[in-house]
Amino acid sequence: MSSHDEEKEVGTSQAQSNRTSIAPSTSDVLQSKSEKKVDDWDGAEDADNPQNWPRSKKIWHTAIPSIIAFICTLGSSIITPGRDSIMQDLGVSAEVALLPYVLYVAGLAFGPMIAAPCSETFGRRAVYLTGMPLFAVFNLGAGFSNNIAALTITRFFAGVFGSPGLSIGGATLTDMWSAQERATPMSLFVTVPFLGPAIGPLVGGFVAEKKGWRWTIWTLLFFTVVGLTPAMFMKETYKAAILKRRAKKRGLTYPTSGRTPRQQALFFVRSTLTRPVHMFCVEPVACLFALYVGINFGMLYGFFAAFPYVFQTIYGFNLGQIGLTFIGLAVGTLVACGLIIIFARLVYRPKAAARKKAGQGPPPPESRLHIGMVGSTLLPVSLFWFGWSAQDGVHWMCPIVAEAFFACGNVMVFMAALSYVMDFYGPSVGASAMGANTLLRYGLGCVFPLFIVQMYSGLGIGWASSLFGFVSLALTPIPWVFYLYGPRLRARSKYVKS
């Protein structure tokens, strides 16, 4: 063999060797594929993880559920100034004319039982994009209703399909914001269910006065279009839904729960109905906070029926002027939101940082109760104040200021209850405890409007408000007692141990 042939053979051998080293083997490909996790993120910096999104994108996706929650709670009260118009148009009594308002609130109570598990199966985005169009359709039906039965039924289903903003909005924020970042966006989001009902009569009062009750529904539809348009461009935030879609793109199989359809149905019933009810019956923290927050919500929604009676009877206000009186509730809600954010930044966050620096765990759940302890004192004071200032010879501004203090205390107690229950039980069990809270909250929100006007008429404004004041006074110690005895209750709770 010539030297030229030897060089050629060596070159060919080296080229084959290089190609072998560059081209991946089948085992390398399989190994590379297996290294990409199917049921978890590809490391801490995974771009698909919503917690790694740019801040502007997080803010945008925080605004969308907040807008949706605002619209669906606005829808609860926007129709209340049109009660007299409904009575005349549909030929019903004053009590029956309240049913479209009451059944809408009932829809807000039952909707989360469907929306929450659906969001964990199909993702958050799918629930928003299914619920909001149906919300608009049923509101459209409500606007064209020619009898009270049709109006009541369509309003109920509008509440059901509008509820995802309330029921999964908090979960959407949790998907995106870490525990350290979450206080401010969550405080703003929690404010919305209180702000929406306060703005509803303000808008609805002028609309009902000029155009009648049907135009309150058309106005709500305009708001719905505004909320639905940005929702169409939102991205998925739920981890399991994102990973499932990504696994499909990679040609991998996403692991399932392994449950049969029957087991899945039983799990759904247990997580959404059985456990919340059981916790309400056996857990003092879940029960008492649900009762406290529920009664506060009942009074809030009752006031949407009572305030028109009070300000029309004492001060002779028309519908537009009555709507303006709800500004007190809106201002109190915004003040509470600001105080909660200030508390989180100046008190809770430094305490958490100090404990972390010392190698300790997060602050105990009782650290969440300070804001609720302040709010619990504002509630009875504001109720007595409202009742005895809404009298002949007293300026109308005085009871409106009392409204602001009531709203402020109500939001502060609710935020403390939400934070404390979630820290007390942990995210999974805490969600069940708050499920009981939601049912009772909106359940009492349905009931109170049915009797509150008769109560104010029979007892008088002063004593009717005082009755609520005494009930609130009896409930005031709840956050204070849990602050003192919370650790002992945690030690005895089987839900905490599990």
Protein backbone atom coordinates (compact mmCIF):
# COMPACT_ATOMS: atom_id res chain seq x y z
CA MET A 1 0.00 0.00 0.00
CA SER A 2 1.32 3.42 -0.97
CA SER A 3 1.77 6.23 1.50
CA HIS A 4 -0.99 8.12 -0.33
CA ASP A 5 -3.45 5.25 0.26
CA GLU A 6 -2.45 5.08 3.94
CA GLU A 7 -3.10 8.81 4.42
CA LYS A 8 -6.49 8.44 2.71
CA GLU A 9 -7.45 5.54 4.99
CA VAL A 10 -6.39 7.45 8.11
CA GLY A 11 -8.40 10.52 6.99
CA THR A 12 -11.47 8.40 6.34
CA SER A 13 -11.12 6.72 9.74
CA GLN A 14 -10.83 10.08 11.51
CA ALA A 15 -13.87 11.50 9.66
CA GLN A 16 -15.95 8.48 10.67
CA SER A 17 -14.75 8.89 14.24
CA ASN A 18 -15.69 12.58 14.21
CA ARG A 19 -19.14 11.84 12.79
CA THR A 20 -19.64 9.18 15.44
CA SER A 21 -18.71 11.58 18.22
CA ILE A 22 -20.91 14.39 16.82
CA ALA A 23 -24.03 12.38 15.91
CA PRO A 24 -26.05 11.44 19.01
CA SER A 25 -26.87 7.82 19.55
CA THR A 26 -30.43 6.57 20.09
CA SER A 27 -29.71 6.11 23.80
CA ASP A 28 -28.46 9.73 23.99
CA VAL A 29 -31.70 10.98 22.42
CA LEU A 30 -33.80 8.96 24.85
CA GLN A 31 -31.71 10.15 27.76
CA SER A 32 -32.07 13.79 26.63
CA LYS A 33 -35.82 13.36 26.33
CA SER A 34 -36.11 11.77 29.75
CA GLU A 35 -34.09 14.56 31.33
CA LYS A 36 -36.84 17.03 30.36
CA LYS A 37 -39.27 16.62 33.24
CA VAL A 38 -42.87 15.99 32.31
CA ASP A 39 -44.55 16.94 35.59
CA ASP A 40 -42.28 19.78 36.72
CA TRP A 41 -40.50 22.85 35.39
CA ASP A 42 -37.15 22.57 33.59
CA GLY A 43 -35.26 24.22 36.43
CA ALA A 44 -35.76 27.40 38.42
CA GLU A 45 -35.41 29.67 35.36
CA ASP A 46 -37.98 27.89 33.17
CA ALA A 47 -39.51 30.59 30.95
CA ASP A 48 -42.87 28.77 30.87
CA ASN A 49 -43.23 29.16 34.63
CA PRO A 50 -45.60 32.14 35.22
CA GLN A 51 -43.54 33.13 38.26
CA ASN A 52 -40.65 33.84 35.85
CA TRP A 53 -42.73 36.07 33.59
CA PRO A 54 -41.72 39.74 33.22
CA ARG A 55 -43.31 41.97 35.83
CA SER A 56 -45.39 43.81 33.22
CA LYS A 57 -46.89 40.51 32.05
CA LYS A 58 -47.72 39.52 35.63
CA ILE A 59 -49.44 42.86 36.23
CA TRP A 60 -51.47 42.43 33.03
CA HIS A 61 -52.57 38.94 34.07
CA THR A 62 -53.40 40.23 37.56
CA ALA A 63 -55.58 42.98 36.09
CA ILE A 64 -57.67 40.59 33.98
CA PRO A 65 -59.20 38.47 36.80
CA SER A 66 -59.52 41.62 38.90
CA ILE A 67 -61.55 43.30 36.14
CA ILE A 68 -63.70 40.18 35.74
CA ALA A 69 -64.30 39.99 39.51
CA PHE A 70 -65.19 43.69 39.55
CA ILE A 71 -67.71 43.24 36.72
CA CYS A 72 -69.45 40.21 38.24
CA THR A 73 -69.80 41.89 41.67
CA LEU A 74 -70.88 45.14 40.01
CA GLY A 75 -73.60 43.05 38.38
CA SER A 76 -74.97 42.01 41.75
CA SER A 77 -76.01 45.50 42.85
CA ILE A 78 -76.34 47.51 39.64
CA ILE A 79 -79.95 46.37 39.29
CA THR A 80 -81.05 47.30 42.84
CA PRO A 81 -81.94 50.95 42.04
CA GLY A 82 -84.33 49.61 39.40
CA ARG A 83 -86.53 47.78 41.91
CA ASP A 84 -89.46 50.22 41.57
CA SER A 85 -89.14 50.05 37.80
CA ILE A 86 -89.26 46.23 37.93
CA MET A 87 -92.36 46.38 40.15
CA GLN A 88 -94.18 48.59 37.66
CA ASP A 89 -92.96 46.88 34.49
CA LEU A 90 -93.48 43.27 35.60
CA GLY A 91 -96.33 43.82 38.07
CA VAL A 92 -94.74 42.31 41.19
CA SER A 93 -94.42 43.26 44.86
CA ALA A 94 -91.39 44.98 46.40
CA GLU A 95 -90.21 41.70 47.96
CA VAL A 96 -90.49 39.74 44.70
CA ALA A 97 -88.73 42.54 42.81
CA LEU A 98 -85.64 41.84 44.95
CA LEU A 99 -85.39 38.22 43.76
CA PRO A 100 -83.30 38.98 40.63
CA TYR A 101 -80.73 40.59 42.93
CA VAL A 102 -80.90 37.82 45.54
CA LEU A 103 -80.68 34.93 43.05
CA TYR A 104 -77.70 36.54 41.33
CA VAL A 105 -75.87 36.48 44.67
CA ALA A 106 -76.92 32.83 45.06
CA GLY A 107 -75.26 32.16 41.71
CA LEU A 108 -72.05 33.71 43.03
CA ALA A 109 -72.25 31.24 45.94
CA PHE A 110 -72.75 28.09 43.84
CA GLY A 111 -70.62 28.97 40.82
CA PRO A 112 -67.25 28.37 42.54
CA MET A 113 -68.18 24.73 43.21
CA ILE A 114 -68.09 24.22 39.44
CA ALA A 115 -65.44 26.73 38.40
CA ALA A 116 -62.70 25.72 40.86
CA PRO A 117 -62.45 22.00 39.94
CA CYS A 118 -62.91 22.82 36.23
CA SER A 119 -59.94 25.19 36.39
CA GLU A 120 -57.81 22.38 37.80
CA THR A 121 -58.90 20.06 34.99
CA PHE A 122 -58.94 22.37 31.96
CA GLY A 123 -56.86 25.32 33.17
CA ARG A 124 -57.72 28.84 34.34
CA ARG A 125 -57.91 30.39 30.86
CA ALA A 126 -60.52 27.92 29.62
CA VAL A 127 -62.80 28.68 32.56
CA TYR A 128 -62.53 32.45 32.06
CA LEU A 129 -63.16 32.19 28.32
CA THR A 130 -66.14 29.87 28.83
CA GLY A 131 -67.69 31.65 31.81
CA MET A 132 -67.60 35.25 30.60
CA PRO A 133 -69.41 34.71 27.25
CA LEU A 134 -72.10 32.69 29.06
CA PHE A 135 -72.29 35.46 31.66
CA ALA A 136 -72.97 37.91 28.82
CA VAL A 137 -75.56 35.60 27.21
CA PHE A 138 -77.59 35.22 30.40
CA ASN A 139 -77.42 38.95 31.07
CA LEU A 140 -78.71 39.49 27.55
CA GLY A 141 -81.59 37.16 28.38
CA ALA A 142 -82.23 39.06 31.61
CA GLY A 143 -82.46 42.33 29.73
CA PHE A 144 -85.12 40.92 27.39
CA SER A 145 -87.12 39.15 30.12
CA ASN A 146 -90.86 39.89 30.12
CA ASN A 147 -91.75 38.22 33.42
CA ILE A 148 -90.16 37.91 36.84
CA ALA A 149 -89.52 34.15 36.51
CA ALA A 150 -87.40 34.59 33.39
CA LEU A 151 -85.55 37.55 34.91
CA THR A 152 -84.81 35.66 38.12
CA ILE A 153 -83.59 32.48 36.39
CA THR A 154 -81.35 34.30 33.91
CA ARG A 155 -79.89 36.42 36.71
CA PHE A 156 -79.10 33.27 38.73
CA PHE A 157 -77.16 31.70 35.86
CA ALA A 158 -75.45 35.00 35.13
CA GLY A 159 -74.16 34.87 38.72
CA VAL A 160 -73.01 31.26 38.30
CA PHE A 161 -71.03 31.96 35.13
CA GLY A 162 -69.70 35.29 36.37
CA SER A 163 -68.25 33.76 39.52
CA PRO A 164 -64.90 32.46 38.11
CA GLY A 165 -63.37 35.89 38.58
CA LEU A 166 -64.04 35.47 42.30
CA SER A 167 -63.42 31.75 42.70
CA ILE A 168 -60.22 31.25 40.67
CA GLY A 169 -58.88 34.81 40.54
CA GLY A 170 -56.92 34.31 43.74
CA ALA A 171 -55.52 31.02 42.41
CA THR A 172 -54.46 32.80 39.21
CA LEU A 173 -52.50 35.33 41.25
CA THR A 174 -50.93 32.53 43.31
CA ASP A 175 -49.79 30.87 40.06
CA MET A 176 -47.80 33.99 39.12
CA TRP A 177 -46.62 35.70 42.29
CA SER A 178 -44.31 34.16 44.88
CA ALA A 179 -45.26 34.29 48.56
CA GLN A 180 -42.89 37.23 49.09
CA GLU A 181 -44.43 39.26 46.22
CA ARG A 182 -48.05 38.32 46.71
CA ALA A 183 -49.26 40.72 49.43
CA THR A 184 -49.83 43.81 47.28
CA PRO A 185 -51.51 42.18 44.22
CA MET A 186 -53.62 39.94 46.47
CA SER A 187 -54.73 42.92 48.59
CA LEU A 188 -55.79 44.77 45.46
CA PHE A 189 -57.63 41.72 44.16
CA VAL A 190 -59.43 41.07 47.46
CA THR A 191 -60.64 44.68 47.46
CA VAL A 192 -62.55 44.16 44.20
CA PRO A 193 -65.48 42.05 45.58
CA PHE A 194 -66.20 44.92 47.97
CA LEU A 195 -65.65 47.72 45.46
CA GLY A 196 -67.87 46.27 42.71
CA PRO A 197 -71.09 46.18 44.78
CA ALA A 198 -70.41 49.71 46.04
CA ILE A 199 -70.04 51.11 42.51
CA GLY A 200 -73.08 49.19 41.18
CA PRO A 201 -75.80 51.39 42.75
CA LEU A 202 -73.79 54.51 41.91
CA VAL A 203 -73.95 53.64 38.20
CA GLY A 204 -77.34 51.91 38.32
CA GLY A 205 -79.05 54.76 40.17
CA PHE A 206 -78.63 57.29 37.38
CA VAL A 207 -79.28 54.70 34.66
CA ALA A 208 -82.49 53.39 36.28
CA GLU A 209 -83.74 56.92 36.92
CA LYS A 210 -83.28 57.99 33.29
CA LYS A 211 -83.78 54.76 31.32
CA GLY A 212 -85.39 52.10 33.57
CA TRP A 213 -84.18 48.77 34.94
CA ARG A 214 -83.42 47.13 31.57
CA TRP A 215 -80.71 49.66 30.87
CA THR A 216 -78.92 48.65 34.07
CA ILE A 217 -78.47 45.23 32.41
CA TRP A 218 -77.32 46.78 29.12
CA THR A 219 -74.80 48.88 31.06
CA LEU A 220 -73.49 45.71 32.70
CA LEU A 221 -73.09 44.17 29.24
CA PHE A 222 -70.95 47.13 28.16
CA PHE A 223 -68.69 46.49 31.14
CA THR A 224 -68.61 42.77 30.26
CA VAL A 225 -67.33 43.46 26.74
CA VAL A 226 -64.57 45.60 28.26
CA GLY A 227 -63.59 42.74 30.59
CA LEU A 228 -63.87 39.94 28.04
CA THR A 229 -61.75 41.61 25.36
CA PRO A 230 -58.42 41.50 27.27
CA ALA A 231 -59.27 38.05 28.67
CA MET A 232 -59.17 36.65 25.13
CA PHE A 233 -55.44 37.42 24.98
CA MET A 234 -54.44 36.06 28.38
CA LYS A 235 -52.06 33.11 28.77
CA GLU A 236 -52.54 30.00 30.86
CA THR A 237 -51.16 30.29 34.41
CA TYR A 238 -52.05 26.90 35.95
CA LYS A 239 -48.94 24.74 36.24
CA ALA A 240 -50.53 21.38 35.42
CA ALA A 241 -52.29 22.75 32.32
CA ILE A 242 -49.07 24.33 31.03
CA LEU A 243 -47.02 21.17 31.61
CA LYS A 244 -49.68 18.95 30.05
CA ARG A 245 -49.69 21.06 26.89
CA ARG A 246 -45.89 21.16 26.81
CA ALA A 247 -45.60 17.40 27.24
CA LYS A 248 -47.88 16.92 24.24
CA LYS A 249 -45.65 19.17 22.12
CA ARG A 250 -42.60 17.13 23.18
CA GLY A 251 -44.28 13.86 22.34
CA LEU A 252 -44.36 12.79 25.97
CA THR A 253 -47.20 11.48 28.12
CA TYR A 254 -48.26 13.61 31.08
CA PRO A 255 -48.96 11.47 34.18
CA THR A 256 -52.61 11.27 35.23
CA SER A 257 -54.08 11.00 38.71
CA GLY A 258 -54.91 7.34 38.11
CA ARG A 259 -58.49 7.83 39.30
CA THR A 260 -61.43 6.27 37.51
CA PRO A 261 -64.32 8.59 36.52
CA ARG A 262 -66.24 7.39 39.60
CA GLN A 263 -63.27 8.06 41.88
CA GLN A 264 -62.81 11.47 40.26
CA ALA A 265 -66.46 12.31 40.93
CA LEU A 266 -66.14 11.21 44.56
CA PHE A 267 -62.97 13.27 44.93
CA PHE A 268 -64.78 16.29 43.50
CA VAL A 269 -67.69 15.89 45.94
CA ARG A 270 -65.32 15.43 48.86
CA SER A 271 -63.10 18.40 48.07
CA THR A 272 -65.87 20.86 47.16
CA LEU A 273 -68.71 19.83 49.47
CA THR A 274 -67.96 17.22 52.12
CA ARG A 275 -64.70 18.56 53.53
CA PRO A 276 -65.76 22.23 53.69
CA VAL A 277 -68.99 21.28 55.50
CA HIS A 278 -67.14 18.94 57.86
CA MET A 279 -64.55 21.59 58.65
CA PHE A 280 -67.30 24.10 59.35
CA CYS A 281 -68.84 21.65 61.84
CA VAL A 282 -65.69 20.55 63.72
CA GLU A 283 -63.04 23.26 63.25
CA PRO A 284 -63.48 26.39 65.45
CA VAL A 285 -61.26 28.54 63.21
CA ALA A 286 -63.07 27.60 59.99
CA CYS A 287 -66.51 27.84 61.62
CA LEU A 288 -66.19 31.11 63.52
CA PHE A 289 -64.40 33.02 60.79
CA ALA A 290 -66.93 31.76 58.21
CA LEU A 291 -69.74 32.90 60.50
CA TYR A 292 -68.11 36.27 61.17
CA VAL A 293 -67.30 37.05 57.54
CA GLY A 294 -70.66 35.64 56.40
CA ILE A 295 -72.66 37.93 58.69
CA ASN A 296 -70.56 40.92 57.60
CA PHE A 297 -71.27 40.09 53.95
CA GLY A 298 -74.94 39.59 54.74
CA MET A 299 -75.10 43.08 56.23
CA LEU A 300 -73.19 44.53 53.28
CA TYR A 301 -75.55 43.03 50.70
CA GLY A 302 -78.55 43.86 52.88
CA PHE A 303 -77.53 47.51 52.85
CA PHE A 304 -78.00 47.64 49.07
CA ALA A 305 -81.70 47.21 49.81
CA ALA A 306 -81.72 49.25 53.04
CA PHE A 307 -79.83 52.38 51.97
CA PRO A 308 -82.44 53.41 49.37
CA TYR A 309 -85.11 53.08 52.07
CA VAL A 310 -83.07 55.08 54.62
CA PHE A 311 -82.01 57.96 52.38
CA GLN A 312 -85.35 58.23 50.62
CA THR A 313 -87.33 58.16 53.87
CA ILE A 314 -85.17 60.54 55.91
CA TYR A 315 -83.65 62.82 53.28
CA GLY A 316 -85.99 62.47 50.29
CA PHE A 317 -83.20 61.48 47.89
CA ASN A 318 -84.01 60.43 44.33
CA LEU A 319 -82.46 57.36 42.64
CA GLY A 320 -79.39 59.20 41.36
CA GLN A 321 -78.71 60.78 44.74
CA ILE A 322 -79.19 57.45 46.51
CA GLY A 323 -76.58 55.93 44.20
CA LEU A 324 -74.12 58.62 45.25
CA THR A 325 -74.48 57.63 48.92
CA PHE A 326 -72.65 54.37 48.12
CA ILE A 327 -69.48 56.38 47.56
CA GLY A 328 -68.96 55.97 51.31
CA LEU A 329 -68.63 52.19 50.88
CA ALA A 330 -66.24 52.63 47.95
CA VAL A 331 -64.00 55.07 49.84
CA GLY A 332 -63.88 52.82 52.92
CA THR A 333 -62.95 49.85 50.73
CA LEU A 334 -60.06 51.73 49.10
CA VAL A 335 -58.80 53.01 52.46
CA ALA A 336 -58.80 49.45 53.82
CA CYS A 337 -56.83 48.25 50.80
CA GLY A 338 -54.20 50.93 51.42
CA LEU A 339 -53.95 50.08 55.12
CA ILE A 340 -53.56 46.37 54.36
CA ILE A 341 -50.72 47.05 51.91
CA ILE A 342 -49.00 49.39 54.40
CA PHE A 343 -49.29 46.76 57.14
CA ALA A 344 -47.85 44.07 54.87
CA ARG A 345 -44.87 46.22 53.87
CA LEU A 346 -44.07 47.88 57.19
CA VAL A 347 -44.99 45.17 59.70
CA TYR A 348 -45.42 41.67 58.29
CA ARG A 349 -42.69 41.66 55.63
CA PRO A 350 -39.90 42.98 57.95
CA LYS A 351 -40.93 40.41 60.56
CA ALA A 352 -40.76 37.61 57.98
CA ALA A 353 -37.35 38.83 56.76
CA ALA A 354 -35.98 38.96 60.31
CA ARG A 355 -37.13 35.41 61.04
CA LYS A 356 -35.64 34.15 57.78
CA LYS A 357 -32.33 35.82 58.58
CA ALA A 358 -32.36 34.15 61.99
CA GLY A 359 -32.90 30.75 60.35
CA GLN A 360 -36.47 30.47 61.58
CA GLY A 361 -39.64 29.68 59.67
CA PRO A 362 -42.26 32.18 58.52
CA PRO A 363 -44.13 34.21 61.14
CA PRO A 364 -46.93 32.31 62.90
CA PRO A 365 -50.42 32.63 61.38
CA GLU A 366 -51.44 34.87 64.28
CA SER A 367 -49.25 37.61 62.78
CA ARG A 368 -51.93 37.98 60.11
CA LEU A 369 -54.62 38.94 62.61
CA HIS A 370 -53.52 42.44 63.61
CA ILE A 371 -55.35 44.11 60.73
CA GLY A 372 -58.49 42.10 61.53
CA MET A 373 -58.34 43.09 65.18
CA VAL A 374 -58.45 46.75 64.14
CA GLY A 375 -61.26 46.08 61.66
CA SER A 376 -63.33 44.20 64.24
CA THR A 377 -63.53 47.32 66.42
CA LEU A 378 -64.61 49.53 63.51
CA LEU A 379 -67.63 47.39 62.58
CA PRO A 380 -69.89 47.79 65.65
CA VAL A 381 -68.92 51.46 66.05
CA SER A 382 -69.87 52.21 62.44
CA LEU A 383 -73.21 50.38 62.72
CA PHE A 384 -74.31 52.29 65.83
CA TRP A 385 -73.03 55.49 64.23
CA PHE A 386 -75.01 54.90 61.04
CA GLY A 387 -78.24 54.02 62.82
CA TRP A 388 -78.39 57.01 65.14
CA SER A 389 -77.00 59.59 62.69
CA ALA A 390 -79.48 58.80 59.89
CA GLN A 391 -82.12 60.91 61.63
CA ASP A 392 -84.07 64.10 60.95
CA GLY A 393 -81.93 67.14 61.68
CA VAL A 394 -78.60 65.32 61.14
CA HIS A 395 -76.69 66.06 57.93
CA TRP A 396 -76.78 63.27 55.33
CA MET A 397 -72.98 63.21 55.20
CA CYS A 398 -72.80 61.77 58.72
CA PRO A 399 -74.29 58.31 57.93
CA ILE A 400 -72.27 58.20 54.69
CA VAL A 401 -69.04 58.60 56.68
CA ALA A 402 -70.27 55.78 58.94
CA GLU A 403 -70.65 53.64 55.79
CA ALA A 404 -66.98 54.25 54.99
CA PHE A 405 -65.90 52.99 58.41
CA PHE A 406 -68.12 49.92 58.04
CA ALA A 407 -66.63 49.11 54.63
CA CYS A 408 -63.09 49.63 55.92
CA GLY A 409 -63.62 47.30 58.89
CA ASN A 410 -65.36 44.71 56.72
CA VAL A 411 -62.48 44.48 54.22
CA MET A 412 -59.86 44.37 57.00
CA VAL A 413 -61.63 41.52 58.79
CA PHE A 414 -62.07 39.58 55.54
CA MET A 415 -58.42 39.95 54.53
CA ALA A 416 -57.25 38.88 57.99
CA ALA A 417 -59.59 35.86 57.91
CA LEU A 418 -58.42 34.82 54.44
CA SER A 419 -54.71 35.12 55.28
CA TYR A 420 -55.04 33.50 58.70
CA VAL A 421 -57.08 30.51 57.52
CA MET A 422 -54.69 29.82 54.62
CA ASP A 423 -51.64 30.04 56.91
CA PHE A 424 -53.36 28.06 59.68
CA TYR A 425 -54.33 25.04 57.54
CA GLY A 426 -51.97 25.32 54.57
CA PRO A 427 -52.95 25.89 50.92
CA SER A 428 -54.85 22.66 50.20
CA VAL A 429 -56.93 22.32 53.37
CA GLY A 430 -57.17 26.10 53.70
CA ALA A 431 -58.92 26.23 50.34
CA SER A 432 -61.60 23.87 51.70
CA ALA A 433 -62.02 26.05 54.78
CA MET A 434 -62.45 29.10 52.56
CA GLY A 435 -64.92 27.09 50.46
CA ALA A 436 -67.20 26.90 53.50
CA ASN A 437 -66.55 30.59 54.02
CA THR A 438 -67.61 31.41 50.45
CA LEU A 439 -70.82 29.39 50.67
CA LEU A 440 -71.88 31.04 53.92
CA ARG A 441 -70.74 34.47 52.77
CA TYR A 442 -72.85 34.61 49.65
CA GLY A 443 -75.58 32.44 51.19
CA LEU A 444 -76.21 35.09 53.85
CA GLY A 445 -75.78 37.71 51.16
CA CYS A 446 -78.90 36.17 49.56
CA VAL A 447 -80.92 36.08 52.77
CA PHE A 448 -80.35 39.49 54.38
CA PRO A 449 -81.89 41.61 51.57
CA LEU A 450 -85.14 39.64 51.90
CA PHE A 451 -85.93 40.96 55.39
CA ILE A 452 -83.78 44.04 55.97
CA VAL A 453 -86.21 46.66 54.62
CA GLN A 454 -89.05 45.22 56.72
CA MET A 455 -86.72 45.23 59.73
CA TYR A 456 -85.76 48.87 59.21
CA SER A 457 -89.41 49.78 58.70
CA GLY A 458 -90.60 47.90 61.79
CA LEU A 459 -87.82 48.68 64.28
CA GLY A 460 -86.84 52.08 62.96
CA ILE A 461 -83.49 52.98 61.46
CA GLY A 462 -81.75 53.51 64.80
CA TRP A 463 -82.74 50.25 66.47
CA ALA A 464 -82.46 48.13 63.32
CA SER A 465 -78.86 49.27 62.84
CA SER A 466 -78.25 48.83 66.58
CA LEU A 467 -79.41 45.21 66.34
CA PHE A 468 -76.71 44.63 63.73
CA GLY A 469 -74.31 46.58 65.94
CA PHE A 470 -74.93 44.29 68.92
CA VAL A 471 -74.45 41.18 66.74
CA SER A 472 -71.18 42.64 65.42
CA LEU A 473 -70.10 43.51 68.96
CA ALA A 474 -70.66 39.90 70.02
CA LEU A 475 -68.43 38.72 67.14
CA THR A 476 -65.67 41.30 67.74
CA PRO A 477 -63.57 39.05 70.06
CA ILE A 478 -63.08 36.35 67.38
CA PRO A 479 -59.75 37.59 65.92
CA TRP A 480 -58.54 38.56 69.41
CA VAL A 481 -59.32 35.09 70.81
CA PHE A 482 -57.57 33.36 67.90
CA TYR A 483 -54.56 35.62 68.40
CA LEU A 484 -54.28 34.34 71.98
CA TYR A 485 -55.31 30.70 71.54
CA GLY A 486 -54.38 29.99 67.91
CA PRO A 487 -51.30 27.84 68.69
CA ARG A 488 -53.36 25.70 71.06
CA LEU A 489 -56.09 25.21 68.45
CA ARG A 490 -53.49 24.25 65.83
CA ALA A 491 -52.11 21.59 68.12
CA ARG A 492 -55.58 20.06 68.51
CA SER A 493 -56.70 20.28 64.88
CA LYS A 494 -56.56 17.01 62.96
CA TYR A 495 -56.60 18.93 59.68
CA VAL A 496 -53.39 20.73 60.62
CA LYS A 497 -51.76 17.48 61.75
CA SER A 498 -52.70 15.78 58.49
